Amino acid sequence: MKLCVLMGSPRKDGNTAALITPFLEECASLDMDEQMIWLYDRQINPCLGCKACQDCLNGLGCIQKDGFEDVFCAMADCDVIVLATPIYSFFCTAPMKALMDRAIYAGVKNYGREKGPKLLEGKRVVTIATCGYSPEKGAGLWEEGVKRWCRHGKLEYLGILCRRDRGGEESFMNEEREQAARDFARALRMTLQLEEL
């Protein structure tokens, strides 16, 4: 089982990185491999809305030559896509949004002269998020956006792990959060095993 972890945080020692660390440790102990991609380290431009991709039914067809194609190939080559992001203004960070726009547009051939495939169809998706409000208020719009993104591309949404940072001097990570991340990994593995039966 292979995970493609798309990290949308600009901080490699931030809250989102801290929350995903025990999740990935637990995944490794459950024989799940992962590929971590830090989106701030990649050049992924926003979608131009030019629709050139829509008439290329056997590939992405995007006219922009940046880091998008390599990241998309990693998404297509995995079993589970992990969208990890802090929540800024009630949604994901800008590099994550640019990637998702291009992945769903170039990846879903609905708008050209003839309809074609959904290139990520059947992939499973989970999200790990951190925010400054309660998870329902802070990440609710993000989760709904991910659900709709999955429906449009025929991906299978499997859930969210979200924790709040109240700021101040208290450390973000604690026993509850570490355990929640490990439990999330175990629940994911169990879901995938049930689907394999």
N, C-alpha and C. Protein backbone atom coordinates (compact mmCIF):
# COMPACT_ATOMS: atom_id res chain seq x y z
N MET A 1 0.85 -1.19 0.00
CA MET A 1 0.00 0.00 0.00
C MET A 1 0.89 1.24 0.00
N LYS A 2 0.61 2.17 -0.90
CA LYS A 2 1.48 3.33 -1.07
C LYS A 2 0.70 4.61 -0.88
N LEU A 3 1.27 5.51 -0.07
CA LEU A 3 0.67 6.82 0.17
C LEU A 3 1.47 7.89 -0.57
N CYS A 4 0.76 8.84 -1.15
CA CYS A 4 1.39 10.05 -1.69
C CYS A 4 0.96 11.19 -0.77
N VAL A 5 1.91 11.69 0.01
CA VAL A 5 1.62 12.75 0.99
C VAL A 5 1.95 14.08 0.36
N LEU A 6 0.95 14.89 0.16
CA LEU A 6 1.12 16.23 -0.41
C LEU A 6 1.07 17.22 0.74
N MET A 7 2.23 17.76 1.09
CA MET A 7 2.33 18.64 2.26
C MET A 7 2.21 20.09 1.82
N GLY A 8 1.14 20.73 2.27
CA GLY A 8 0.86 22.10 1.87
C GLY A 8 1.33 23.14 2.85
N SER A 9 2.09 22.75 3.87
CA SER A 9 2.58 23.72 4.84
C SER A 9 3.88 24.36 4.37
N PRO A 10 4.06 25.66 4.64
CA PRO A 10 5.34 26.29 4.33
C PRO A 10 6.40 26.01 5.39
N ARG A 11 5.99 25.42 6.52
CA ARG A 11 6.92 25.23 7.65
C ARG A 11 7.20 23.74 7.88
N LYS A 12 8.44 23.36 7.74
CA LYS A 12 8.80 21.95 7.92
C LYS A 12 8.85 21.54 9.38
N ASP A 13 8.78 22.50 10.28
CA ASP A 13 8.73 22.19 11.70
C ASP A 13 7.44 22.74 12.33
N GLY A 14 6.41 22.93 11.52
CA GLY A 14 5.16 23.51 12.00
C GLY A 14 4.19 22.48 12.56
N ASN A 15 2.99 22.94 12.86
CA ASN A 15 1.97 22.08 13.47
C ASN A 15 1.53 20.94 12.55
N THR A 16 1.35 21.23 11.28
CA THR A 16 0.89 20.19 10.35
C THR A 16 1.95 19.10 10.22
N ALA A 17 3.21 19.49 10.14
CA ALA A 17 4.30 18.51 10.09
C ALA A 17 4.34 17.70 11.38
N ALA A 18 4.11 18.36 12.51
CA ALA A 18 4.12 17.65 13.79
C ALA A 18 2.98 16.64 13.87
N LEU A 19 1.81 17.00 13.37
CA LEU A 19 0.65 16.10 13.44
C LEU A 19 0.81 14.92 12.48
N ILE A 20 1.43 15.15 11.34
CA ILE A 20 1.55 14.06 10.37
C ILE A 20 2.67 13.08 10.72
N THR A 21 3.62 13.50 11.55
CA THR A 21 4.75 12.62 11.88
C THR A 21 4.32 11.31 12.54
N PRO A 22 3.52 11.32 13.61
CA PRO A 22 3.10 10.03 14.18
C PRO A 22 2.18 9.24 13.25
N PHE A 23 1.41 9.94 12.43
CA PHE A 23 0.58 9.26 11.42
C PHE A 23 1.46 8.44 10.48
N LEU A 24 2.52 9.06 9.97
CA LEU A 24 3.40 8.37 9.03
C LEU A 24 4.22 7.27 9.72
N GLU A 25 4.61 7.49 10.97
CA GLU A 25 5.30 6.44 11.72
C GLU A 25 4.42 5.22 11.85
N GLU A 26 3.15 5.45 12.16
CA GLU A 26 2.21 4.33 12.31
C GLU A 26 1.96 3.66 10.96
N CYS A 27 1.83 4.44 9.92
CA CYS A 27 1.67 3.87 8.58
C CYS A 27 2.84 2.96 8.23
N ALA A 28 4.06 3.40 8.53
CA ALA A 28 5.24 2.59 8.24
C ALA A 28 5.21 1.28 9.02
N SER A 29 4.75 1.34 10.27
CA SER A 29 4.67 0.12 11.07
C SER A 29 3.60 -0.84 10.54
N LEU A 30 2.67 -0.32 9.75
CA LEU A 30 1.60 -1.13 9.16
C LEU A 30 1.92 -1.51 7.70
N ASP A 31 3.19 -1.38 7.33
CA ASP A 31 3.65 -1.74 5.98
C ASP A 31 3.03 -0.90 4.87
N MET A 32 2.82 0.36 5.17
CA MET A 32 2.38 1.30 4.13
C MET A 32 3.57 2.21 3.80
N ASP A 33 3.93 2.27 2.54
CA ASP A 33 5.03 3.12 2.09
C ASP A 33 4.48 4.51 1.80
N GLU A 34 5.36 5.51 1.94
CA GLU A 34 4.91 6.86 1.64
C GLU A 34 5.95 7.62 0.85
N GLN A 35 5.43 8.53 0.03
CA GLN A 35 6.26 9.51 -0.66
C GLN A 35 5.78 10.88 -0.24
N MET A 36 6.66 11.64 0.39
CA MET A 36 6.31 12.98 0.88
C MET A 36 6.73 14.01 -0.16
N ILE A 37 5.80 14.88 -0.54
CA ILE A 37 6.09 15.97 -1.48
C ILE A 37 5.72 17.28 -0.80
N TRP A 38 6.74 18.10 -0.57
CA TRP A 38 6.51 19.43 0.02
C TRP A 38 6.17 20.40 -1.11
N LEU A 39 4.94 20.85 -1.14
CA LEU A 39 4.47 21.65 -2.28
C LEU A 39 5.15 23.02 -2.36
N TYR A 40 5.58 23.57 -1.23
CA TYR A 40 6.30 24.85 -1.27
C TYR A 40 7.68 24.71 -1.91
N ASP A 41 8.17 23.47 -2.02
CA ASP A 41 9.46 23.23 -2.67
C ASP A 41 9.31 23.03 -4.18
N ARG A 42 8.10 22.98 -4.65
CA ARG A 42 7.83 22.75 -6.07
C ARG A 42 7.29 24.02 -6.71
N GLN A 43 7.49 24.15 -7.99
CA GLN A 43 6.90 25.27 -8.74
C GLN A 43 5.63 24.74 -9.38
N ILE A 44 4.50 25.06 -8.81
CA ILE A 44 3.21 24.64 -9.37
C ILE A 44 2.38 25.90 -9.57
N ASN A 45 2.29 26.32 -10.80
CA ASN A 45 1.57 27.57 -11.12
C ASN A 45 0.06 27.35 -11.04
N PRO A 46 -0.69 28.42 -10.85
CA PRO A 46 -2.16 28.30 -10.88
C PRO A 46 -2.65 27.90 -12.27
N CYS A 47 -3.81 27.29 -12.30
CA CYS A 47 -4.44 26.92 -13.57
C CYS A 47 -4.76 28.18 -14.37
N LEU A 48 -4.54 28.11 -15.69
CA LEU A 48 -4.82 29.25 -16.58
C LEU A 48 -6.24 29.20 -17.14
N GLY A 49 -6.94 28.10 -16.96
CA GLY A 49 -8.29 27.97 -17.50
C GLY A 49 -8.34 27.99 -19.02
N CYS A 50 -7.25 27.59 -19.66
CA CYS A 50 -7.18 27.67 -21.13
C CYS A 50 -7.86 26.49 -21.82
N LYS A 51 -8.10 25.41 -21.09
CA LYS A 51 -8.76 24.19 -21.57
C LYS A 51 -7.94 23.39 -22.58
N ALA A 52 -6.67 23.71 -22.76
CA ALA A 52 -5.83 22.91 -23.67
C ALA A 52 -5.78 21.46 -23.21
N CYS A 53 -5.82 21.24 -21.92
CA CYS A 53 -5.74 19.88 -21.37
C CYS A 53 -6.94 19.02 -21.75
N GLN A 54 -8.04 19.64 -22.09
CA GLN A 54 -9.28 18.89 -22.29
C GLN A 54 -9.31 18.09 -23.59
N ASP A 55 -8.49 18.46 -24.54
CA ASP A 55 -8.45 17.72 -25.80
C ASP A 55 -7.31 16.71 -25.85
N CYS A 56 -6.67 16.49 -24.71
CA CYS A 56 -5.63 15.46 -24.60
C CYS A 56 -6.20 14.35 -23.72
N LEU A 57 -6.75 13.33 -24.35
CA LEU A 57 -7.46 12.30 -23.60
C LEU A 57 -6.55 11.23 -23.02
N ASN A 58 -5.32 11.14 -23.50
CA ASN A 58 -4.43 10.08 -23.03
C ASN A 58 -3.33 10.59 -22.11
N GLY A 59 -3.50 11.78 -21.55
CA GLY A 59 -2.50 12.35 -20.64
C GLY A 59 -3.00 13.66 -20.09
N LEU A 60 -2.13 14.37 -19.40
CA LEU A 60 -2.55 15.63 -18.78
C LEU A 60 -2.83 16.72 -19.81
N GLY A 61 -1.92 16.93 -20.74
CA GLY A 61 -2.13 17.93 -21.78
C GLY A 61 -2.01 19.36 -21.32
N CYS A 62 -1.43 19.59 -20.14
CA CYS A 62 -1.30 20.96 -19.64
C CYS A 62 -0.17 21.67 -20.39
N ILE A 63 -0.41 22.91 -20.80
CA ILE A 63 0.60 23.65 -21.56
C ILE A 63 1.70 24.22 -20.67
N GLN A 64 1.46 24.29 -19.36
CA GLN A 64 2.46 24.85 -18.46
C GLN A 64 3.53 23.80 -18.15
N LYS A 65 4.76 24.17 -18.25
CA LYS A 65 5.88 23.28 -17.97
C LYS A 65 6.51 23.68 -16.64
N ASP A 66 5.96 23.12 -15.59
CA ASP A 66 6.46 23.41 -14.25
C ASP A 66 6.50 22.09 -13.48
N GLY A 67 6.35 22.13 -12.16
CA GLY A 67 6.44 20.92 -11.36
C GLY A 67 5.17 20.10 -11.25
N PHE A 68 4.11 20.53 -11.91
CA PHE A 68 2.82 19.87 -11.75
C PHE A 68 2.81 18.43 -12.24
N GLU A 69 3.36 18.18 -13.42
CA GLU A 69 3.26 16.83 -14.00
C GLU A 69 3.91 15.78 -13.12
N ASP A 70 5.08 16.09 -12.54
CA ASP A 70 5.75 15.12 -11.67
C ASP A 70 4.91 14.81 -10.44
N VAL A 71 4.30 15.84 -9.86
CA VAL A 71 3.46 15.62 -8.68
C VAL A 71 2.22 14.82 -9.05
N PHE A 72 1.62 15.15 -10.18
CA PHE A 72 0.43 14.40 -10.62
C PHE A 72 0.78 12.93 -10.85
N CYS A 73 1.93 12.66 -11.44
CA CYS A 73 2.34 11.27 -11.67
C CYS A 73 2.47 10.52 -10.35
N ALA A 74 2.98 11.18 -9.32
CA ALA A 74 3.07 10.55 -7.99
C ALA A 74 1.67 10.27 -7.44
N MET A 75 0.74 11.18 -7.66
CA MET A 75 -0.65 10.97 -7.23
C MET A 75 -1.26 9.76 -7.95
N ALA A 76 -0.99 9.67 -9.24
CA ALA A 76 -1.55 8.59 -10.04
C ALA A 76 -0.93 7.24 -9.71
N ASP A 77 0.27 7.27 -9.15
CA ASP A 77 1.02 6.04 -8.88
C ASP A 77 0.83 5.52 -7.45
N CYS A 78 -0.08 6.09 -6.69
CA CYS A 78 -0.25 5.67 -5.30
C CYS A 78 -1.64 5.06 -5.11
N ASP A 79 -1.85 4.53 -3.91
CA ASP A 79 -3.16 4.00 -3.53
C ASP A 79 -3.98 5.04 -2.78
N VAL A 80 -3.29 5.85 -1.96
CA VAL A 80 -3.97 6.85 -1.13
C VAL A 80 -3.25 8.19 -1.27
N ILE A 81 -4.02 9.23 -1.53
CA ILE A 81 -3.50 10.59 -1.56
C ILE A 81 -3.81 11.24 -0.21
N VAL A 82 -2.77 11.75 0.44
CA VAL A 82 -2.92 12.43 1.73
C VAL A 82 -2.72 13.92 1.49
N LEU A 83 -3.77 14.70 1.69
CA LEU A 83 -3.70 16.15 1.55
C LEU A 83 -3.47 16.73 2.94
N ALA A 84 -2.27 17.22 3.20
CA ALA A 84 -1.91 17.75 4.52
C ALA A 84 -1.70 19.25 4.41
N THR A 85 -2.44 20.01 5.22
CA THR A 85 -2.36 21.46 5.09
C THR A 85 -2.79 22.18 6.36
N PRO A 86 -2.13 23.28 6.67
CA PRO A 86 -2.75 24.19 7.63
C PRO A 86 -3.90 24.91 6.93
N ILE A 87 -4.85 25.35 7.70
CA ILE A 87 -5.99 26.07 7.14
C ILE A 87 -5.74 27.57 7.27
N TYR A 88 -5.68 28.25 6.14
CA TYR A 88 -5.52 29.70 6.09
C TYR A 88 -6.80 30.26 5.45
N SER A 89 -7.45 31.19 6.11
CA SER A 89 -8.69 31.78 5.59
C SER A 89 -9.70 30.70 5.23
N PHE A 90 -9.83 29.70 6.10
CA PHE A 90 -10.85 28.65 6.01
C PHE A 90 -10.66 27.68 4.85
N PHE A 91 -9.47 27.69 4.22
CA PHE A 91 -9.20 26.73 3.17
C PHE A 91 -7.71 26.39 3.19
N CYS A 92 -7.27 25.56 2.28
CA CYS A 92 -5.87 25.12 2.23
C CYS A 92 -4.96 26.27 1.79
N THR A 93 -3.67 26.01 1.86
CA THR A 93 -2.68 26.98 1.42
C THR A 93 -2.67 27.10 -0.11
N ALA A 94 -2.07 28.18 -0.60
CA ALA A 94 -2.09 28.47 -2.04
C ALA A 94 -1.46 27.38 -2.90
N PRO A 95 -0.30 26.80 -2.55
CA PRO A 95 0.26 25.74 -3.40
C PRO A 95 -0.65 24.51 -3.48
N MET A 96 -1.31 24.18 -2.37
CA MET A 96 -2.23 23.04 -2.38
C MET A 96 -3.42 23.35 -3.29
N LYS A 97 -3.94 24.55 -3.21
CA LYS A 97 -5.09 24.94 -4.05
C LYS A 97 -4.71 24.92 -5.52
N ALA A 98 -3.51 25.44 -5.86
CA ALA A 98 -3.08 25.42 -7.26
C ALA A 98 -2.97 23.98 -7.77
N LEU A 99 -2.40 23.10 -6.96
CA LEU A 99 -2.27 21.70 -7.35
C LEU A 99 -3.64 21.06 -7.56
N MET A 100 -4.54 21.27 -6.61
CA MET A 100 -5.87 20.66 -6.71
C MET A 100 -6.64 21.16 -7.92
N ASP A 101 -6.55 22.45 -8.20
CA ASP A 101 -7.22 23.01 -9.38
C ASP A 101 -6.73 22.33 -10.65
N ARG A 102 -5.42 22.22 -10.78
CA ARG A 102 -4.87 21.65 -12.01
C ARG A 102 -5.08 20.15 -12.08
N ALA A 103 -5.00 19.47 -10.93
CA ALA A 103 -5.19 18.01 -10.92
C ALA A 103 -6.61 17.64 -11.30
N ILE A 104 -7.58 18.40 -10.85
CA ILE A 104 -8.97 18.03 -11.14
C ILE A 104 -9.36 18.52 -12.54
N TYR A 105 -8.74 19.58 -13.01
CA TYR A 105 -9.11 20.09 -14.32
C TYR A 105 -8.43 19.28 -15.42
N ALA A 106 -7.09 19.18 -15.36
CA ALA A 106 -6.38 18.38 -16.37
C ALA A 106 -6.67 16.90 -16.20
N GLY A 107 -7.06 16.50 -14.99
CA GLY A 107 -7.29 15.10 -14.71
C GLY A 107 -8.69 14.61 -15.00
N VAL A 108 -9.61 15.50 -15.30
CA VAL A 108 -10.99 15.12 -15.61
C VAL A 108 -11.33 15.68 -16.99
N LYS A 109 -11.50 14.80 -17.95
CA LYS A 109 -11.68 15.22 -19.34
C LYS A 109 -13.17 15.38 -19.66
N ASN A 110 -13.77 16.42 -19.10
CA ASN A 110 -15.22 16.67 -19.27
C ASN A 110 -15.54 17.80 -20.24
N TYR A 111 -14.56 18.61 -20.59
CA TYR A 111 -14.88 19.89 -21.21
C TYR A 111 -14.34 20.07 -22.63
N GLY A 112 -13.82 19.01 -23.22
CA GLY A 112 -13.27 19.11 -24.57
C GLY A 112 -14.29 18.72 -25.63
N ARG A 113 -13.79 18.47 -26.83
CA ARG A 113 -14.66 18.10 -27.94
C ARG A 113 -15.34 16.76 -27.70
N GLU A 114 -14.67 15.89 -26.95
CA GLU A 114 -15.30 14.63 -26.54
C GLU A 114 -14.92 14.33 -25.10
N LYS A 115 -15.82 13.66 -24.40
CA LYS A 115 -15.56 13.33 -22.99
C LYS A 115 -14.55 12.21 -22.92
N GLY A 116 -13.70 12.29 -21.90
CA GLY A 116 -12.67 11.29 -21.73
C GLY A 116 -12.60 10.80 -20.29
N PRO A 117 -11.47 10.24 -19.91
CA PRO A 117 -11.35 9.59 -18.60
C PRO A 117 -11.16 10.58 -17.45
N LYS A 118 -11.31 10.05 -16.27
CA LYS A 118 -10.96 10.74 -15.03
C LYS A 118 -9.68 10.06 -14.55
N LEU A 119 -8.56 10.76 -14.66
CA LEU A 119 -7.25 10.13 -14.53
C LEU A 119 -6.90 9.68 -13.12
N LEU A 120 -7.58 10.19 -12.11
CA LEU A 120 -7.33 9.76 -10.73
C LEU A 120 -8.49 8.92 -10.18
N GLU A 121 -9.38 8.49 -11.05
CA GLU A 121 -10.55 7.74 -10.62
C GLU A 121 -10.14 6.52 -9.77
N GLY A 122 -10.84 6.36 -8.66
CA GLY A 122 -10.61 5.21 -7.78
C GLY A 122 -9.57 5.43 -6.71
N LYS A 123 -8.78 6.51 -6.79
CA LYS A 123 -7.81 6.80 -5.73
C LYS A 123 -8.56 7.15 -4.45
N ARG A 124 -7.96 6.78 -3.33
CA ARG A 124 -8.54 7.14 -2.04
C ARG A 124 -7.87 8.40 -1.54
N VAL A 125 -8.62 9.22 -0.78
CA VAL A 125 -8.11 10.50 -0.30
C VAL A 125 -8.42 10.66 1.18
N VAL A 126 -7.41 11.07 1.95
CA VAL A 126 -7.62 11.53 3.32
C VAL A 126 -6.97 12.89 3.45
N THR A 127 -7.37 13.63 4.47
CA THR A 127 -6.76 14.93 4.70
C THR A 127 -6.37 15.06 6.17
N ILE A 128 -5.24 15.71 6.38
CA ILE A 128 -4.75 16.02 7.72
C ILE A 128 -4.57 17.53 7.76
N ALA A 129 -5.24 18.16 8.72
CA ALA A 129 -5.26 19.62 8.74
C ALA A 129 -5.06 20.15 10.16
N THR A 130 -4.56 21.37 10.23
CA THR A 130 -4.47 22.10 11.49
C THR A 130 -5.08 23.47 11.26
N CYS A 131 -5.67 24.01 12.32
CA CYS A 131 -6.33 25.31 12.17
C CYS A 131 -6.40 26.02 13.52
N GLY A 132 -6.83 27.26 13.49
CA GLY A 132 -6.89 28.07 14.70
C GLY A 132 -8.26 28.11 15.35
N TYR A 133 -9.24 27.50 14.73
CA TYR A 133 -10.59 27.41 15.29
C TYR A 133 -10.89 25.96 15.61
N SER A 134 -12.07 25.71 16.15
CA SER A 134 -12.49 24.33 16.33
C SER A 134 -12.51 23.67 14.95
N PRO A 135 -12.21 22.36 14.86
CA PRO A 135 -12.15 21.73 13.54
C PRO A 135 -13.40 21.93 12.70
N GLU A 136 -14.58 21.89 13.31
CA GLU A 136 -15.81 22.05 12.52
C GLU A 136 -15.86 23.44 11.88
N LYS A 137 -15.49 24.46 12.64
CA LYS A 137 -15.53 25.83 12.11
C LYS A 137 -14.31 26.15 11.27
N GLY A 138 -13.15 25.67 11.71
CA GLY A 138 -11.92 26.01 11.01
C GLY A 138 -11.71 25.25 9.72
N ALA A 139 -12.06 23.96 9.72
CA ALA A 139 -11.77 23.12 8.55
C ALA A 139 -13.01 22.61 7.84
N GLY A 140 -14.18 23.04 8.24
CA GLY A 140 -15.42 22.55 7.63
C GLY A 140 -15.52 22.85 6.14
N LEU A 141 -15.18 24.05 5.74
CA LEU A 141 -15.24 24.40 4.32
C LEU A 141 -14.19 23.62 3.53
N TRP A 142 -13.01 23.45 4.11
CA TRP A 142 -11.95 22.68 3.47
C TRP A 142 -12.42 21.24 3.24
N GLU A 143 -12.98 20.63 4.28
CA GLU A 143 -13.41 19.24 4.12
C GLU A 143 -14.52 19.12 3.07
N GLU A 144 -15.45 20.06 3.07
CA GLU A 144 -16.51 20.01 2.06
C GLU A 144 -15.92 20.18 0.66
N GLY A 145 -14.94 21.07 0.53
CA GLY A 145 -14.29 21.24 -0.77
C GLY A 145 -13.60 19.97 -1.24
N VAL A 146 -12.93 19.28 -0.31
CA VAL A 146 -12.24 18.03 -0.66
C VAL A 146 -13.27 16.97 -1.08
N LYS A 147 -14.37 16.90 -0.36
CA LYS A 147 -15.42 15.93 -0.72
C LYS A 147 -15.94 16.18 -2.13
N ARG A 148 -16.18 17.43 -2.47
CA ARG A 148 -16.69 17.76 -3.81
C ARG A 148 -15.62 17.50 -4.87
N TRP A 149 -14.37 17.82 -4.56
CA TRP A 149 -13.25 17.55 -5.47
C TRP A 149 -13.20 16.05 -5.76
N CYS A 150 -13.36 15.24 -4.72
CA CYS A 150 -13.33 13.78 -4.90
C CYS A 150 -14.52 13.30 -5.74
N ARG A 151 -15.69 13.82 -5.45
CA ARG A 151 -16.87 13.39 -6.23
C ARG A 151 -16.69 13.70 -7.71
N HIS A 152 -16.17 14.89 -8.00
CA HIS A 152 -16.01 15.30 -9.40
C HIS A 152 -15.01 14.41 -10.14
N GLY A 153 -13.95 14.01 -9.44
CA GLY A 153 -12.93 13.18 -10.08
C GLY A 153 -13.11 11.69 -9.86
N LYS A 154 -14.21 11.31 -9.18
CA LYS A 154 -14.48 9.90 -8.85
C LYS A 154 -13.38 9.28 -7.99
N LEU A 155 -12.88 10.08 -7.04
CA LEU A 155 -11.98 9.57 -6.02
C LEU A 155 -12.82 9.21 -4.80
N GLU A 156 -12.28 8.40 -3.92
CA GLU A 156 -13.01 7.96 -2.73
C GLU A 156 -12.49 8.71 -1.51
N TYR A 157 -13.33 9.53 -0.91
CA TYR A 157 -12.94 10.30 0.28
C TYR A 157 -13.09 9.43 1.52
N LEU A 158 -12.02 9.35 2.33
CA LEU A 158 -12.04 8.47 3.50
C LEU A 158 -11.98 9.20 4.84
N GLY A 159 -11.84 10.52 4.85
CA GLY A 159 -11.94 11.21 6.14
C GLY A 159 -10.85 12.23 6.41
N ILE A 160 -11.00 12.88 7.57
CA ILE A 160 -10.11 13.98 7.97
C ILE A 160 -9.64 13.77 9.40
N LEU A 161 -8.40 14.15 9.64
CA LEU A 161 -7.85 14.32 10.99
C LEU A 161 -7.51 15.79 11.10
N CYS A 162 -8.13 16.47 12.04
CA CYS A 162 -7.89 17.91 12.20
C CYS A 162 -7.75 18.23 13.68
N ARG A 163 -6.76 19.05 14.00
CA ARG A 163 -6.57 19.52 15.36
C ARG A 163 -6.33 21.02 15.36
N ARG A 164 -6.80 21.63 16.44
CA ARG A 164 -6.74 23.09 16.59
C ARG A 164 -5.50 23.50 17.38
N ASP A 165 -4.92 24.61 16.97
CA ASP A 165 -3.85 25.24 17.74
C ASP A 165 -4.40 26.52 18.33
N ARG A 166 -4.46 26.58 19.63
CA ARG A 166 -4.99 27.78 20.31
C ARG A 166 -3.93 28.87 20.44
N GLY A 167 -2.71 28.56 20.03
CA GLY A 167 -1.64 29.55 20.17
C GLY A 167 -1.14 29.61 21.61
N GLY A 168 -0.42 30.63 21.91
CA GLY A 168 0.09 30.77 23.27
C GLY A 168 1.33 29.93 23.48
N GLU A 169 1.65 29.70 24.75
CA GLU A 169 2.90 29.01 25.09
C GLU A 169 2.75 27.50 25.13
N GLU A 170 1.54 27.01 25.12
CA GLU A 170 1.32 25.56 25.19
C GLU A 170 1.77 24.89 23.90
N SER A 171 2.49 23.77 24.04
CA SER A 171 2.96 23.03 22.88
C SER A 171 1.77 22.48 22.08
N PHE A 172 1.89 22.51 20.76
CA PHE A 172 0.79 22.00 19.93
C PHE A 172 0.61 20.50 20.11
N MET A 173 1.69 19.76 20.05
CA MET A 173 1.58 18.30 20.16
C MET A 173 1.47 17.87 21.62
N ASN A 174 0.62 16.87 21.83
CA ASN A 174 0.47 16.27 23.15
C ASN A 174 0.10 14.80 22.95
N GLU A 175 -0.13 14.09 24.02
CA GLU A 175 -0.43 12.66 23.93
C GLU A 175 -1.70 12.39 23.14
N GLU A 176 -2.73 13.21 23.37
CA GLU A 176 -4.01 12.99 22.66
C GLU A 176 -3.83 13.13 21.16
N ARG A 177 -3.11 14.15 20.74
CA ARG A 177 -2.94 14.39 19.31
C ARG A 177 -2.07 13.31 18.66
N GLU A 178 -1.04 12.90 19.36
CA GLU A 178 -0.21 11.81 18.83
C GLU A 178 -1.03 10.54 18.69
N GLN A 179 -1.83 10.23 19.72
CA GLN A 179 -2.64 9.02 19.66
C GLN A 179 -3.69 9.11 18.56
N ALA A 180 -4.29 10.30 18.40
CA ALA A 180 -5.29 10.49 17.34
C ALA A 180 -4.68 10.26 15.96
N ALA A 181 -3.46 10.73 15.76
CA ALA A 181 -2.79 10.54 14.46
C ALA A 181 -2.50 9.06 14.22
N ARG A 182 -2.06 8.36 15.25
CA ARG A 182 -1.79 6.92 15.12
C ARG A 182 -3.09 6.15 14.88
N ASP A 183 -4.13 6.53 15.59
CA ASP A 183 -5.44 5.87 15.40
C ASP A 183 -5.97 6.11 13.99
N PHE A 184 -5.75 7.31 13.47
CA PHE A 184 -6.19 7.64 12.11
C PHE A 184 -5.49 6.74 11.09
N ALA A 185 -4.19 6.51 11.30
CA ALA A 185 -3.44 5.62 10.40
C ALA A 185 -3.97 4.19 10.49
N ARG A 186 -4.24 3.72 11.70
CA ARG A 186 -4.76 2.36 11.85
C ARG A 186 -6.14 2.21 11.23
N ALA A 187 -6.98 3.23 11.42
CA ALA A 187 -8.32 3.18 10.83
C ALA A 187 -8.23 3.18 9.30
N LEU A 188 -7.30 3.94 8.75
CA LEU A 188 -7.10 3.95 7.30
C LEU A 188 -6.69 2.57 6.82
N ARG A 189 -5.72 1.96 7.50
CA ARG A 189 -5.25 0.63 7.09
C ARG A 189 -6.39 -0.38 7.15
N MET A 190 -7.20 -0.31 8.20
CA MET A 190 -8.32 -1.25 8.33
C MET A 190 -9.33 -1.06 7.20
N THR A 191 -9.62 0.18 6.86
CA THR A 191 -10.54 0.47 5.75
C THR A 191 -10.02 -0.12 4.45
N LEU A 192 -8.72 0.08 4.21
CA LEU A 192 -8.12 -0.43 2.97
C LEU A 192 -8.12 -1.95 2.94
N GLN A 193 -7.89 -2.58 4.08
CA GLN A 193 -7.92 -4.04 4.14
C GLN A 193 -9.32 -4.57 3.86
N LEU A 194 -10.33 -3.90 4.41
CA LEU A 194 -11.72 -4.32 4.17
C LEU A 194 -12.08 -4.19 2.70
N GLU A 195 -11.59 -3.12 2.05
CA GLU A 195 -11.88 -2.92 0.63
C GLU A 195 -11.21 -3.98 -0.23
N GLU A 196 -10.09 -4.52 0.25
CA GLU A 196 -9.37 -5.54 -0.52
C GLU A 196 -10.07 -6.89 -0.48
N LEU A 197 -10.93 -7.10 0.53
CA LEU A 197 -11.62 -8.41 0.67
C LEU A 197 -12.69 -8.61 -0.39
